[in-house]
ModelCIF file with pLDDT and N, C-alpha, C, O atoms, coordinates in Angstrom:
data_MODEL
#
_entry.id   MODEL 
#
_entity.id                         1 
_entity.type                       polymer 
_entity.pdbx_number_of_molecules   1 
#
_entity_poly.entity_id                      1 
_entity_poly.type                           'polypeptide(L)' 
_entity_poly.nstd_linkage                   no 
_entity_poly.nstd_monomer                   no 
_entity_poly.pdbx_seq_one_letter_code       GLLYGKKPLSDNYRIISILENAGSAFAVIKVGA 
_entity_poly.pdbx_seq_one_letter_code_can   GLLYGKKPLSDNYRIISILENAGSAFAVIKVGA 
_entity_poly.pdbx_strand_id                 A 
#
loop_
_entity_poly_seq.entity_id 
_entity_poly_seq.num 
_entity_poly_seq.mon_id 
_entity_poly_seq.hetero 
1 1  GLY n 
1 2  LEU n 
1 3  LEU n 
1 4  TYR n 
1 5  GLY n 
1 6  LYS n 
1 7  LYS n 
1 8  PRO n 
1 9  LEU n 
1 10 SER n 
1 11 ASP n 
1 12 ASN n 
1 13 TYR n 
1 14 ARG n 
1 15 ILE n 
1 16 ILE n 
1 17 SER n 
1 18 ILE n 
1 19 LEU n 
1 20 GLU n 
1 21 ASN n 
1 22 ALA n 
1 23 GLY n 
1 24 SER n 
1 25 ALA n 
1 26 PHE n 
1 27 ALA n 
1 28 VAL n 
1 29 ILE n 
1 30 LYS n 
1 31 VAL n 
1 32 GLY n 
1 33 ALA n 
#
_struct_asym.id          A 
_struct_asym.entity_id   1 
#
loop_
_ma_qa_metric.id 
_ma_qa_metric.mode 
_ma_qa_metric.name 
_ma_qa_metric.software_group_id 
_ma_qa_metric.type 
1 global pLDDT . pLDDT 
2 local  pLDDT . pLDDT 
#
_ma_qa_metric_global.metric_id      1 
_ma_qa_metric_global.metric_value   77.82 
_ma_qa_metric_global.model_id       1 
_ma_qa_metric_global.ordinal_id     1 
#
loop_
_ma_qa_metric_local.label_asym_id 
_ma_qa_metric_local.label_comp_id 
_ma_qa_metric_local.label_seq_id 
_ma_qa_metric_local.metric_id 
_ma_qa_metric_local.metric_value 
_ma_qa_metric_local.model_id 
_ma_qa_metric_local.ordinal_id 
A GLY 1  2 44.00 1 1  
A LEU 2  2 45.00 1 2  
A LEU 3  2 45.00 1 3  
A TYR 4  2 44.00 1 4  
A GLY 5  2 47.00 1 5  
A LYS 6  2 49.00 1 6  
A LYS 7  2 50.00 1 7  
A PRO 8  2 52.00 1 8  
A LEU 9  2 61.00 1 9  
A SER 10 2 60.00 1 10 
A ASP 11 2 71.00 1 11 
A ASN 12 2 77.00 1 12 
A TYR 13 2 81.00 1 13 
A ARG 14 2 88.00 1 14 
A ILE 15 2 92.00 1 15 
A ILE 16 2 95.00 1 16 
A SER 17 2 97.00 1 17 
A ILE 18 2 97.00 1 18 
A LEU 19 2 97.00 1 19 
A GLU 20 2 96.00 1 20 
A ASN 21 2 94.00 1 21 
A ALA 22 2 89.00 1 22 
A GLY 23 2 91.00 1 23 
A SER 24 2 94.00 1 24 
A ALA 25 2 96.00 1 25 
A PHE 26 2 97.00 1 26 
A ALA 27 2 97.00 1 27 
A VAL 28 2 97.00 1 28 
A ILE 29 2 94.00 1 29 
A LYS 30 2 92.00 1 30 
A VAL 31 2 88.00 1 31 
A GLY 32 2 80.00 1 32 
A ALA 33 2 71.00 1 33 
#
loop_
_atom_site.group_PDB 
_atom_site.id 
_atom_site.type_symbol 
_atom_site.label_atom_id 
_atom_site.label_alt_id 
_atom_site.label_comp_id 
_atom_site.label_asym_id 
_atom_site.label_entity_id 
_atom_site.label_seq_id 
_atom_site.pdbx_PDB_ins_code 
_atom_site.Cartn_x 
_atom_site.Cartn_y 
_atom_site.Cartn_z 
_atom_site.occupancy 
_atom_site.B_iso_or_equiv 
_atom_site.pdbx_formal_charge 
_atom_site.auth_seq_id 
_atom_site.auth_comp_id 
_atom_site.auth_asym_id 
_atom_site.auth_atom_id 
_atom_site.pdbx_PDB_model_num 
ATOM 1   N N  . GLY A 1 1  ? 13.845 -30.519 8.622  1.00 44.00 ? 1  GLY A N  1 
ATOM 2   C CA . GLY A 1 1  ? 15.192 -29.999 8.948  1.00 44.00 ? 1  GLY A CA 1 
ATOM 3   C C  . GLY A 1 1  ? 16.058 -31.089 9.454  1.00 44.00 ? 1  GLY A C  1 
ATOM 4   O O  . GLY A 1 1  ? 17.227 -31.159 9.077  1.00 44.00 ? 1  GLY A O  1 
ATOM 5   N N  . LEU A 1 2  ? 15.539 -31.972 10.315 1.00 45.00 ? 2  LEU A N  1 
ATOM 6   C CA . LEU A 1 2  ? 16.341 -33.021 10.862 1.00 45.00 ? 2  LEU A CA 1 
ATOM 7   C C  . LEU A 1 2  ? 16.736 -34.106 9.811  1.00 45.00 ? 2  LEU A C  1 
ATOM 8   O O  . LEU A 1 2  ? 17.787 -34.743 9.878  1.00 45.00 ? 2  LEU A O  1 
ATOM 9   N N  . LEU A 1 3  ? 15.809 -34.253 8.850  1.00 45.00 ? 3  LEU A N  1 
ATOM 10  C CA . LEU A 1 3  ? 16.045 -35.259 7.784  1.00 45.00 ? 3  LEU A CA 1 
ATOM 11  C C  . LEU A 1 3  ? 17.042 -34.760 6.763  1.00 45.00 ? 3  LEU A C  1 
ATOM 12  O O  . LEU A 1 3  ? 17.964 -35.470 6.363  1.00 45.00 ? 3  LEU A O  1 
ATOM 13  N N  . TYR A 1 4  ? 16.832 -33.497 6.342  1.00 44.00 ? 4  TYR A N  1 
ATOM 14  C CA . TYR A 1 4  ? 17.550 -32.964 5.160  1.00 44.00 ? 4  TYR A CA 1 
ATOM 15  C C  . TYR A 1 4  ? 18.545 -31.814 5.465  1.00 44.00 ? 4  TYR A C  1 
ATOM 16  O O  . TYR A 1 4  ? 19.354 -31.452 4.611  1.00 44.00 ? 4  TYR A O  1 
ATOM 17  N N  . GLY A 1 5  ? 18.480 -31.273 6.633  1.00 47.00 ? 5  GLY A N  1 
ATOM 18  C CA . GLY A 1 5  ? 19.343 -30.116 6.948  1.00 47.00 ? 5  GLY A CA 1 
ATOM 19  C C  . GLY A 1 5  ? 20.751 -30.521 7.165  1.00 47.00 ? 5  GLY A C  1 
ATOM 20  O O  . GLY A 1 5  ? 21.064 -31.707 7.261  1.00 47.00 ? 5  GLY A O  1 
ATOM 21  N N  . LYS A 1 6  ? 21.651 -29.495 7.246  1.00 49.00 ? 6  LYS A N  1 
ATOM 22  C CA . LYS A 1 6  ? 23.082 -29.757 7.464  1.00 49.00 ? 6  LYS A CA 1 
ATOM 23  C C  . LYS A 1 6  ? 23.373 -29.900 8.936  1.00 49.00 ? 6  LYS A C  1 
ATOM 24  O O  . LYS A 1 6  ? 23.966 -29.013 9.552  1.00 49.00 ? 6  LYS A O  1 
ATOM 25  N N  . LYS A 1 7  ? 22.952 -31.025 9.507  1.00 50.00 ? 7  LYS A N  1 
ATOM 26  C CA . LYS A 1 7  ? 23.138 -31.359 10.929 1.00 50.00 ? 7  LYS A CA 1 
ATOM 27  C C  . LYS A 1 7  ? 22.779 -30.186 11.801 1.00 50.00 ? 7  LYS A C  1 
ATOM 28  O O  . LYS A 1 7  ? 23.642 -29.633 12.484 1.00 50.00 ? 7  LYS A O  1 
ATOM 29  N N  . PRO A 1 8  ? 21.507 -29.791 11.791 1.00 52.00 ? 8  PRO A N  1 
ATOM 30  C CA . PRO A 1 8  ? 21.033 -28.577 12.479 1.00 52.00 ? 8  PRO A CA 1 
ATOM 31  C C  . PRO A 1 8  ? 21.348 -28.594 13.990 1.00 52.00 ? 8  PRO A C  1 
ATOM 32  O O  . PRO A 1 8  ? 21.658 -27.545 14.556 1.00 52.00 ? 8  PRO A O  1 
ATOM 33  N N  . LEU A 1 9  ? 21.276 -29.722 14.625 1.00 61.00 ? 9  LEU A N  1 
ATOM 34  C CA . LEU A 1 9  ? 21.481 -29.709 16.067 1.00 61.00 ? 9  LEU A CA 1 
ATOM 35  C C  . LEU A 1 9  ? 22.879 -29.309 16.489 1.00 61.00 ? 9  LEU A C  1 
ATOM 36  O O  . LEU A 1 9  ? 23.069 -28.634 17.501 1.00 61.00 ? 9  LEU A O  1 
ATOM 37  N N  . SER A 1 10 ? 23.865 -29.736 15.694 1.00 60.00 ? 10 SER A N  1 
ATOM 38  C CA . SER A 1 10 ? 25.225 -29.463 16.059 1.00 60.00 ? 10 SER A CA 1 
ATOM 39  C C  . SER A 1 10 ? 25.867 -28.258 15.325 1.00 60.00 ? 10 SER A C  1 
ATOM 40  O O  . SER A 1 10 ? 26.960 -27.807 15.666 1.00 60.00 ? 10 SER A O  1 
ATOM 41  N N  . ASP A 1 11 ? 25.141 -27.765 14.313 1.00 71.00 ? 11 ASP A N  1 
ATOM 42  C CA . ASP A 1 11 ? 25.672 -26.611 13.585 1.00 71.00 ? 11 ASP A CA 1 
ATOM 43  C C  . ASP A 1 11 ? 24.952 -25.328 13.761 1.00 71.00 ? 11 ASP A C  1 
ATOM 44  O O  . ASP A 1 11 ? 25.527 -24.255 13.579 1.00 71.00 ? 11 ASP A O  1 
ATOM 45  N N  . ASN A 1 12 ? 23.672 -25.414 14.122 1.00 77.00 ? 12 ASN A N  1 
ATOM 46  C CA . ASN A 1 12 ? 22.824 -24.212 14.330 1.00 77.00 ? 12 ASN A CA 1 
ATOM 47  C C  . ASN A 1 12 ? 23.388 -23.315 15.454 1.00 77.00 ? 12 ASN A C  1 
ATOM 48  O O  . ASN A 1 12 ? 24.187 -23.779 16.268 1.00 77.00 ? 12 ASN A O  1 
ATOM 49  N N  . TYR A 1 13 ? 22.991 -22.090 15.497 1.00 81.00 ? 13 TYR A N  1 
ATOM 50  C CA . TYR A 1 13 ? 23.272 -21.198 16.562 1.00 81.00 ? 13 TYR A CA 1 
ATOM 51  C C  . TYR A 1 13 ? 22.710 -21.827 17.821 1.00 81.00 ? 13 TYR A C  1 
ATOM 52  O O  . TYR A 1 13 ? 21.588 -22.332 17.790 1.00 81.00 ? 13 TYR A O  1 
ATOM 53  N N  . ARG A 1 14 ? 23.445 -21.820 18.938 1.00 88.00 ? 14 ARG A N  1 
ATOM 54  C CA . ARG A 1 14 ? 23.049 -22.493 20.153 1.00 88.00 ? 14 ARG A CA 1 
ATOM 55  C C  . ARG A 1 14 ? 23.745 -21.952 21.353 1.00 88.00 ? 14 ARG A C  1 
ATOM 56  O O  . ARG A 1 14 ? 24.853 -21.432 21.226 1.00 88.00 ? 14 ARG A O  1 
ATOM 57  N N  . ILE A 1 15 ? 23.147 -22.047 22.531 1.00 92.00 ? 15 ILE A N  1 
ATOM 58  C CA . ILE A 1 15 ? 23.700 -21.661 23.814 1.00 92.00 ? 15 ILE A CA 1 
ATOM 59  C C  . ILE A 1 15 ? 23.906 -22.924 24.615 1.00 92.00 ? 15 ILE A C  1 
ATOM 60  O O  . ILE A 1 15 ? 22.945 -23.640 24.899 1.00 92.00 ? 15 ILE A O  1 
ATOM 61  N N  . ILE A 1 16 ? 25.130 -23.209 24.981 1.00 95.00 ? 16 ILE A N  1 
ATOM 62  C CA . ILE A 1 16 ? 25.464 -24.446 25.634 1.00 95.00 ? 16 ILE A CA 1 
ATOM 63  C C  . ILE A 1 16 ? 25.744 -24.114 27.102 1.00 95.00 ? 16 ILE A C  1 
ATOM 64  O O  . ILE A 1 16 ? 26.599 -23.286 27.417 1.00 95.00 ? 16 ILE A O  1 
ATOM 65  N N  . SER A 1 17 ? 24.978 -24.802 28.018 1.00 97.00 ? 17 SER A N  1 
ATOM 66  C CA . SER A 1 17 ? 25.160 -24.612 29.455 1.00 97.00 ? 17 SER A CA 1 
ATOM 67  C C  . SER A 1 17 ? 25.624 -25.960 30.106 1.00 97.00 ? 17 SER A C  1 
ATOM 68  O O  . SER A 1 17 ? 24.973 -26.985 29.901 1.00 97.00 ? 17 SER A O  1 
ATOM 69  N N  . ILE A 1 18 ? 26.689 -25.964 30.848 1.00 97.00 ? 18 ILE A N  1 
ATOM 70  C CA . ILE A 1 18 ? 27.125 -27.100 31.520 1.00 97.00 ? 18 ILE A CA 1 
ATOM 71  C C  . ILE A 1 18 ? 26.787 -26.943 33.033 1.00 97.00 ? 18 ILE A C  1 
ATOM 72  O O  . ILE A 1 18 ? 27.298 -26.063 33.726 1.00 97.00 ? 18 ILE A O  1 
ATOM 73  N N  . LEU A 1 19 ? 25.924 -27.822 33.480 1.00 97.00 ? 19 LEU A N  1 
ATOM 74  C CA . LEU A 1 19 ? 25.366 -27.749 34.875 1.00 97.00 ? 19 LEU A CA 1 
ATOM 75  C C  . LEU A 1 19 ? 25.977 -28.852 35.685 1.00 97.00 ? 19 LEU A C  1 
ATOM 76  O O  . LEU A 1 19 ? 25.914 -30.017 35.293 1.00 97.00 ? 19 LEU A O  1 
ATOM 77  N N  . GLU A 1 20 ? 26.568 -28.511 36.809 1.00 96.00 ? 20 GLU A N  1 
ATOM 78  C CA . GLU A 1 20 ? 27.214 -29.462 37.702 1.00 96.00 ? 20 GLU A CA 1 
ATOM 79  C C  . GLU A 1 20 ? 26.345 -29.652 38.931 1.00 96.00 ? 20 GLU A C  1 
ATOM 80  O O  . GLU A 1 20 ? 25.892 -28.709 39.580 1.00 96.00 ? 20 GLU A O  1 
ATOM 81  N N  . ASN A 1 21 ? 26.138 -30.959 39.213 1.00 94.00 ? 21 ASN A N  1 
ATOM 82  C CA . ASN A 1 21 ? 25.385 -31.371 40.477 1.00 94.00 ? 21 ASN A CA 1 
ATOM 83  C C  . ASN A 1 21 ? 26.046 -32.565 41.096 1.00 94.00 ? 21 ASN A C  1 
ATOM 84  O O  . ASN A 1 21 ? 26.174 -33.591 40.428 1.00 94.00 ? 21 ASN A O  1 
ATOM 85  N N  . ALA A 1 22 ? 26.473 -32.495 42.332 1.00 89.00 ? 22 ALA A N  1 
ATOM 86  C CA . ALA A 1 22 ? 27.087 -33.583 43.049 1.00 89.00 ? 22 ALA A CA 1 
ATOM 87  C C  . ALA A 1 22 ? 28.183 -34.309 42.286 1.00 89.00 ? 22 ALA A C  1 
ATOM 88  O O  . ALA A 1 22 ? 28.297 -35.534 42.315 1.00 89.00 ? 22 ALA A O  1 
ATOM 89  N N  . GLY A 1 23 ? 28.982 -33.502 41.605 1.00 91.00 ? 23 GLY A N  1 
ATOM 90  C CA . GLY A 1 23 ? 30.128 -34.087 40.877 1.00 91.00 ? 23 GLY A CA 1 
ATOM 91  C C  . GLY A 1 23 ? 29.837 -34.561 39.466 1.00 91.00 ? 23 GLY A C  1 
ATOM 92  O O  . GLY A 1 23 ? 30.749 -34.966 38.745 1.00 91.00 ? 23 GLY A O  1 
ATOM 93  N N  . SER A 1 24 ? 28.556 -34.512 39.062 1.00 94.00 ? 24 SER A N  1 
ATOM 94  C CA . SER A 1 24 ? 28.233 -34.951 37.687 1.00 94.00 ? 24 SER A CA 1 
ATOM 95  C C  . SER A 1 24 ? 27.876 -33.762 36.878 1.00 94.00 ? 24 SER A C  1 
ATOM 96  O O  . SER A 1 24 ? 27.353 -32.763 37.373 1.00 94.00 ? 24 SER A O  1 
ATOM 97  N N  . ALA A 1 25 ? 28.190 -33.899 35.536 1.00 96.00 ? 25 ALA A N  1 
ATOM 98  C CA . ALA A 1 25 ? 27.904 -32.805 34.616 1.00 96.00 ? 25 ALA A CA 1 
ATOM 99  C C  . ALA A 1 25 ? 26.700 -33.140 33.735 1.00 96.00 ? 25 ALA A C  1 
ATOM 100 O O  . ALA A 1 25 ? 26.540 -34.290 33.327 1.00 96.00 ? 25 ALA A O  1 
ATOM 101 N N  . PHE A 1 26 ? 25.862 -32.165 33.440 1.00 97.00 ? 26 PHE A N  1 
ATOM 102 C CA . PHE A 1 26 ? 24.761 -32.264 32.579 1.00 97.00 ? 26 PHE A CA 1 
ATOM 103 C C  . PHE A 1 26 ? 24.871 -31.118 31.536 1.00 97.00 ? 26 PHE A C  1 
ATOM 104 O O  . PHE A 1 26 ? 25.094 -29.969 31.919 1.00 97.00 ? 26 PHE A O  1 
ATOM 105 N N  . ALA A 1 27 ? 24.725 -31.404 30.291 1.00 97.00 ? 27 ALA A N  1 
ATOM 106 C CA . ALA A 1 27 ? 24.711 -30.393 29.267 1.00 97.00 ? 27 ALA A CA 1 
ATOM 107 C C  . ALA A 1 27 ? 23.276 -30.055 28.927 1.00 97.00 ? 27 ALA A C  1 
ATOM 108 O O  . ALA A 1 27 ? 22.454 -30.937 28.677 1.00 97.00 ? 27 ALA A O  1 
ATOM 109 N N  . VAL A 1 28 ? 22.978 -28.726 28.921 1.00 97.00 ? 28 VAL A N  1 
ATOM 110 C CA . VAL A 1 28 ? 21.659 -28.295 28.502 1.00 97.00 ? 28 VAL A CA 1 
ATOM 111 C C  . VAL A 1 28 ? 21.924 -27.352 27.278 1.00 97.00 ? 28 VAL A C  1 
ATOM 112 O O  . VAL A 1 28 ? 22.388 -26.223 27.437 1.00 97.00 ? 28 VAL A O  1 
ATOM 113 N N  . ILE A 1 29 ? 21.611 -27.862 26.067 1.00 94.00 ? 29 ILE A N  1 
ATOM 114 C CA . ILE A 1 29 ? 21.976 -27.218 24.830 1.00 94.00 ? 29 ILE A CA 1 
ATOM 115 C C  . ILE A 1 29 ? 20.683 -26.694 24.199 1.00 94.00 ? 29 ILE A C  1 
ATOM 116 O O  . ILE A 1 29 ? 19.792 -27.459 23.828 1.00 94.00 ? 29 ILE A O  1 
ATOM 117 N N  . LYS A 1 30 ? 20.615 -25.403 24.095 1.00 92.00 ? 30 LYS A N  1 
ATOM 118 C CA . LYS A 1 30 ? 19.505 -24.715 23.538 1.00 92.00 ? 30 LYS A CA 1 
ATOM 119 C C  . LYS A 1 30 ? 19.802 -24.348 22.089 1.00 92.00 ? 30 LYS A C  1 
ATOM 120 O O  . LYS A 1 30 ? 20.689 -23.536 21.826 1.00 92.00 ? 30 LYS A O  1 
ATOM 121 N N  . VAL A 1 31 ? 19.052 -24.950 21.128 1.00 88.00 ? 31 VAL A N  1 
ATOM 122 C CA . VAL A 1 31 ? 19.371 -24.844 19.735 1.00 88.00 ? 31 VAL A CA 1 
ATOM 123 C C  . VAL A 1 31 ? 18.403 -23.863 18.999 1.00 88.00 ? 31 VAL A C  1 
ATOM 124 O O  . VAL A 1 31 ? 17.185 -24.031 19.063 1.00 88.00 ? 31 VAL A O  1 
ATOM 125 N N  . GLY A 1 32 ? 18.945 -22.879 18.329 1.00 80.00 ? 32 GLY A N  1 
ATOM 126 C CA . GLY A 1 32 ? 18.141 -21.886 17.627 1.00 80.00 ? 32 GLY A CA 1 
ATOM 127 C C  . GLY A 1 32 ? 17.506 -22.473 16.376 1.00 80.00 ? 32 GLY A C  1 
ATOM 128 O O  . GLY A 1 32 ? 17.955 -23.493 15.853 1.00 80.00 ? 32 GLY A O  1 
ATOM 129 N N  . ALA A 1 33 ? 16.453 -21.812 15.907 1.00 71.00 ? 33 ALA A N  1 
ATOM 130 C CA . ALA A 1 33 ? 15.746 -22.296 14.709 1.00 71.00 ? 33 ALA A CA 1 
ATOM 131 C C  . ALA A 1 33 ? 15.962 -21.324 13.575 1.00 71.00 ? 33 ALA A C  1 
ATOM 132 O O  . ALA A 1 33 ? 15.456 -21.537 12.474 1.00 71.00 ? 33 ALA A O  1 
#
């Protein structure tokens, strides 16, 4: 899928969570299969 799919990480169904800690942001992106 990663080799031949249509950019599955950025186009698949996903839930994006932006987590803030001490002024810094962390993205936790859960990608559906």
